[in-house]
Amino acid sequence: MCGRFVVASVGSELVGVLRVDLEGDDLPEPSYNVAPTAPVAIVLDSAKTEPPTRRLETARWGLVPSWAKDVSIGARAFNARSEELEDKPMFRKALEKRRAIVPATGYYEWKNVDGTKIPHYIHPADGSPLFMAGLYEWWKDPQIEDEADPARWVLSFTILTRDSIGHLGSIHDRMPLFVDPDHADAWLDPTTDNVRDVLDAAIDAAPAVARTLDDHVVAKAVGNVRNNSPELIDPVD
């Protein structure tokens, strides 16, 4: 499960190795306590051009499928179990053509210790960006008739998860589906017909990334979404 994460930098500083072609306007500011429904910068390959254009765009965290009546459904779809995607109507179509990468500095997870939930900050040991596999969708607001109104279309996403491995399993039984930069092109490619192979390769590669991650206990202040400062990721005794 991934319900909170950190994006301490934005733009090319965060996604340089992914070779983004276009960066969207008004990308979100850095955040040390990103929560579901918040705006987040994601990477996607747009199939509207040939070859596809790699874009860094602002999206709402919590997938809103095209058939949804309103965006509220997204609040319950901020994570998706990678082993169930093909069986879930909400995620099946996005898996085929609309895969994304969610870049982050790290993420939070809560460990249950004798009934008390202790927050941990999990992050790459070398300070490099962390890439999480995601799916995205475009939703058209039926209440907005003006086609020129930018608010008419909502871009949203979900973060994929899988069983935890190694020391991360001692914190929580689920972890994000991490994407190795070498696998990013295959994951983002909207033209591939081998979706099952791409997903299996991502699931198989994620443990190698997980083994490079460090974690430490942080203050319980991170549990309040109104708290948002660099001190949230500082270790505590």
Protein backbone atom coordinates (compact mmCIF):
# COMPACT_ATOMS: atom_id res chain seq x y z
CA MET A 1 0.00 0.00 0.00
CA CYS A 2 1.14 3.55 -0.68
CA GLY A 3 -1.03 6.27 0.85
CA ARG A 4 1.48 9.10 1.34
CA PHE A 5 4.67 10.05 -0.42
CA VAL A 6 7.25 12.80 -0.89
CA VAL A 7 8.18 14.82 -3.96
CA ALA A 8 11.00 17.11 -2.86
CA SER A 9 11.90 18.39 -6.34
CA VAL A 10 10.06 18.95 -9.60
CA GLY A 11 10.59 18.94 -13.35
CA SER A 12 13.74 17.65 -15.02
CA GLU A 13 15.56 17.55 -11.67
CA LEU A 14 13.30 14.65 -10.68
CA VAL A 15 12.82 12.84 -13.99
CA GLY A 16 15.97 13.59 -15.98
CA VAL A 17 16.84 9.94 -16.62
CA LEU A 18 13.39 9.35 -18.14
CA ARG A 19 14.10 11.75 -21.04
CA VAL A 20 10.87 13.74 -20.89
CA ASP A 21 10.03 15.63 -24.10
CA LEU A 22 7.48 18.09 -22.71
CA GLU A 23 6.85 19.44 -19.22
CA GLY A 24 3.34 20.66 -18.48
CA ASP A 25 2.52 24.13 -17.23
CA ASP A 26 1.93 24.77 -13.53
CA LEU A 27 3.51 21.58 -12.21
CA PRO A 28 2.85 21.06 -8.48
CA GLU A 29 5.23 22.51 -5.94
CA PRO A 30 7.42 20.17 -3.88
CA SER A 31 5.47 18.37 -1.16
CA TYR A 32 6.56 16.34 1.84
CA ASN A 33 3.12 14.88 2.51
CA VAL A 34 1.34 14.03 -0.74
CA ALA A 35 -2.06 12.48 -0.01
CA PRO A 36 -4.79 11.00 -2.24
CA THR A 37 -6.72 13.54 -4.38
CA ALA A 38 -3.66 15.87 -4.38
CA PRO A 39 -2.13 17.09 -7.68
CA VAL A 40 1.00 15.16 -8.61
CA ALA A 41 3.39 15.25 -11.57
CA ILE A 42 3.38 11.96 -13.52
CA VAL A 43 5.21 10.76 -16.63
CA LEU A 44 3.28 9.30 -19.56
CA ASP A 45 3.82 8.57 -23.24
CA SER A 46 1.12 10.23 -25.32
CA ALA A 47 0.06 8.13 -28.31
CA LYS A 48 -1.38 11.19 -30.08
CA THR A 49 1.96 11.62 -31.85
CA GLU A 50 4.19 9.23 -33.78
CA PRO A 51 6.43 8.31 -32.11
CA PRO A 52 4.69 8.85 -28.74
CA THR A 53 5.62 12.03 -26.87
CA ARG A 54 6.89 11.61 -23.31
CA ARG A 55 5.23 14.16 -21.07
CA LEU A 56 5.44 15.27 -17.46
CA GLU A 57 1.90 16.31 -16.54
CA THR A 58 -0.06 17.23 -13.43
CA ALA A 59 -2.60 14.59 -12.45
CA ARG A 60 -5.05 13.98 -9.60
CA TRP A 61 -4.06 11.11 -7.31
CA GLY A 62 -6.91 8.60 -7.40
CA LEU A 63 -7.96 7.05 -10.71
CA VAL A 64 -11.23 8.34 -12.20
CA PRO A 65 -12.35 6.05 -15.07
CA SER A 66 -14.00 7.59 -18.12
CA TRP A 67 -17.40 6.10 -17.18
CA ALA A 68 -17.47 7.61 -13.67
CA LYS A 69 -20.30 10.01 -12.81
CA ASP A 70 -17.98 12.28 -10.83
CA VAL A 71 -14.40 12.44 -9.56
CA SER A 72 -15.24 11.24 -6.04
CA ILE A 73 -14.68 7.62 -7.06
CA GLY A 74 -10.98 8.38 -7.35
CA ALA A 75 -10.59 8.82 -3.59
CA ARG A 76 -10.98 5.04 -3.27
CA ALA A 77 -8.68 4.17 -6.18
CA PHE A 78 -5.31 5.66 -5.20
CA ASN A 79 -3.75 2.17 -5.19
CA ALA A 80 -4.33 -0.88 -7.41
CA ARG A 81 -3.11 -4.41 -6.75
CA SER A 82 -0.92 -5.38 -9.71
CA GLU A 83 -2.03 -9.01 -9.61
CA GLU A 84 -5.71 -8.03 -10.01
CA LEU A 85 -5.55 -5.38 -12.76
CA GLU A 86 -6.83 -7.57 -15.58
CA ASP A 87 -9.85 -8.59 -13.51
CA LYS A 88 -10.93 -5.08 -12.50
CA PRO A 89 -13.01 -3.03 -14.99
CA MET A 90 -11.73 0.16 -13.37
CA PHE A 91 -8.12 -0.65 -14.29
CA ARG A 92 -8.23 -3.06 -17.24
CA LYS A 93 -8.36 -0.52 -20.09
CA ALA A 94 -5.75 1.73 -18.52
CA LEU A 95 -3.38 -1.21 -18.17
CA GLU A 96 -3.60 -1.81 -21.91
CA LYS A 97 -2.78 1.68 -23.16
CA ARG A 98 -2.38 4.18 -20.34
CA ARG A 99 0.55 3.24 -18.11
CA ALA A 100 2.42 5.93 -16.19
CA ILE A 101 5.38 6.43 -13.90
CA VAL A 102 4.95 8.35 -10.67
CA PRO A 103 8.30 9.92 -9.68
CA ALA A 104 8.94 10.49 -5.98
CA THR A 105 11.69 11.17 -3.48
CA GLY A 106 10.34 8.52 -1.12
CA TYR A 107 7.15 7.33 0.54
CA TYR A 108 5.67 6.69 3.97
CA GLU A 109 4.41 3.45 5.42
CA TRP A 110 3.02 2.63 8.85
CA LYS A 111 4.25 -0.39 10.81
CA ASN A 112 1.91 -1.92 13.38
CA VAL A 113 3.82 -2.44 16.63
CA ASP A 114 1.68 -3.88 19.42
CA GLY A 115 -1.37 -2.04 18.15
CA THR A 116 0.45 1.25 17.57
CA LYS A 117 1.13 2.45 14.03
CA ILE A 118 4.67 3.77 13.63
CA PRO A 119 5.38 5.83 10.47
CA HIS A 120 8.47 4.99 8.43
CA TYR A 121 10.00 7.00 5.60
CA ILE A 122 11.26 4.71 2.80
CA HIS A 123 13.61 6.13 0.17
CA PRO A 124 16.55 5.32 -2.15
CA ALA A 125 19.75 5.06 -0.14
CA ASP A 126 21.70 7.07 -2.72
CA GLY A 127 19.20 9.92 -2.96
CA SER A 128 18.20 9.10 -6.53
CA PRO A 129 14.55 9.45 -7.61
CA LEU A 130 12.12 6.61 -6.90
CA PHE A 131 9.86 5.59 -9.78
CA MET A 132 6.52 3.89 -9.07
CA ALA A 133 4.37 2.18 -11.69
CA GLY A 134 0.98 3.74 -12.26
CA LEU A 135 -2.03 3.84 -14.56
CA TYR A 136 -3.77 6.99 -15.76
CA GLU A 137 -7.13 7.99 -17.21
CA TRP A 138 -8.77 11.08 -18.71
CA TRP A 139 -12.26 11.93 -17.40
CA LYS A 140 -14.58 14.46 -19.07
CA ASP A 141 -16.70 16.54 -16.71
CA PRO A 142 -20.28 16.33 -18.06
CA GLN A 143 -21.17 19.57 -16.28
CA ILE A 144 -18.76 21.61 -18.43
CA GLU A 145 -20.01 22.09 -22.01
CA ASP A 146 -17.30 24.49 -23.17
CA GLU A 147 -14.75 22.36 -25.02
CA ALA A 148 -12.14 25.09 -24.62
CA ASP A 149 -12.40 25.06 -20.81
CA PRO A 150 -9.25 23.32 -19.48
CA ALA A 151 -11.22 22.18 -16.42
CA ARG A 152 -13.39 20.00 -18.67
CA TRP A 153 -10.81 17.19 -18.68
CA VAL A 154 -9.35 15.66 -15.51
CA LEU A 155 -6.16 13.60 -15.67
CA SER A 156 -5.94 11.12 -12.79
CA PHE A 157 -3.80 8.16 -11.79
CA THR A 158 -3.34 5.26 -9.40
CA ILE A 159 -0.15 3.71 -7.98
CA LEU A 160 0.29 -0.04 -8.44
CA THR A 161 1.30 -2.29 -5.54
CA ARG A 162 2.64 -5.80 -5.06
CA ASP A 163 3.70 -8.07 -2.17
CA SER A 164 6.54 -6.61 -0.14
CA ILE A 165 9.94 -8.28 -0.06
CA GLY A 166 12.93 -8.20 2.28
CA HIS A 167 13.06 -5.61 5.04
CA LEU A 168 10.10 -3.74 3.54
CA GLY A 169 7.95 -6.76 4.35
CA SER A 170 8.65 -6.21 8.04
CA ILE A 171 7.03 -2.78 7.77
CA HIS A 172 3.98 -3.59 5.61
CA ASP A 173 2.84 -6.55 3.53
CA ARG A 174 2.42 -4.40 0.40
CA MET A 175 4.80 -2.04 -1.38
CA PRO A 176 4.58 0.12 -4.51
CA LEU A 177 5.45 -1.56 -7.79
CA PHE A 178 8.80 0.10 -8.36
CA VAL A 179 10.08 0.67 -11.91
CA ASP A 180 13.75 0.36 -12.74
CA PRO A 181 14.79 3.21 -15.11
CA ASP A 182 15.98 0.56 -17.59
CA HIS A 183 12.42 -0.80 -17.75
CA ALA A 184 10.74 2.61 -18.01
CA ASP A 185 10.50 2.73 -21.81
CA ALA A 186 8.79 -0.67 -22.00
CA TRP A 187 6.39 0.22 -19.18
CA LEU A 188 5.34 3.55 -20.71
CA ASP A 189 5.07 2.37 -24.34
CA PRO A 190 1.35 2.67 -25.30
CA THR A 191 1.85 0.80 -28.58
CA THR A 192 2.93 -2.56 -27.16
CA ASP A 193 0.69 -5.58 -27.60
CA ASN A 194 2.46 -7.60 -24.93
CA VAL A 195 0.82 -6.00 -21.89
CA ARG A 196 0.98 -9.15 -19.77
CA ASP A 197 4.70 -9.53 -20.46
CA VAL A 198 5.34 -5.88 -19.61
CA LEU A 199 3.45 -6.19 -16.32
CA ASP A 200 5.18 -9.45 -15.38
CA ALA A 201 8.58 -7.92 -16.14
CA ALA A 202 7.79 -4.94 -13.88
CA ILE A 203 6.64 -7.21 -11.04
CA ASP A 204 9.77 -9.34 -11.37
CA ALA A 205 12.12 -6.33 -11.50
CA ALA A 206 10.64 -4.43 -8.54
CA PRO A 207 12.45 -6.45 -5.80
CA ALA A 208 15.85 -5.35 -7.12
CA VAL A 209 14.82 -1.72 -6.60
CA ALA A 210 13.32 -2.50 -3.19
CA ARG A 211 16.62 -3.91 -1.97
CA THR A 212 18.31 -0.53 -2.57
CA LEU A 213 15.91 1.35 -0.29
CA ASP A 214 16.56 2.59 3.24
CA ASP A 215 13.97 3.41 5.88
CA HIS A 216 13.76 5.15 9.21
CA VAL A 217 11.09 6.07 11.73
CA VAL A 218 9.63 9.58 11.43
CA ALA A 219 7.38 11.72 13.61
CA LYS A 220 3.68 10.93 13.82
CA ALA A 221 2.99 14.45 12.53
CA VAL A 222 3.04 12.99 9.02
CA GLY A 223 -0.33 11.41 9.77
CA ASN A 224 -1.96 14.83 9.52
CA VAL A 225 -2.27 15.90 5.86
CA ARG A 226 -2.13 19.55 6.92
CA ASN A 227 1.48 19.08 7.99
CA ASN A 228 3.87 19.57 5.10
CA SER A 229 7.50 20.48 5.72
CA PRO A 230 10.97 18.97 5.14
CA GLU A 231 11.13 18.06 8.85
CA LEU A 232 8.56 15.31 8.25
CA ILE A 233 11.23 13.07 6.71
CA ASP A 234 13.75 13.60 9.53
CA PRO A 235 14.51 10.46 11.57
CA VAL A 236 13.35 10.23 15.17
CA ASP A 237 14.54 7.94 17.97
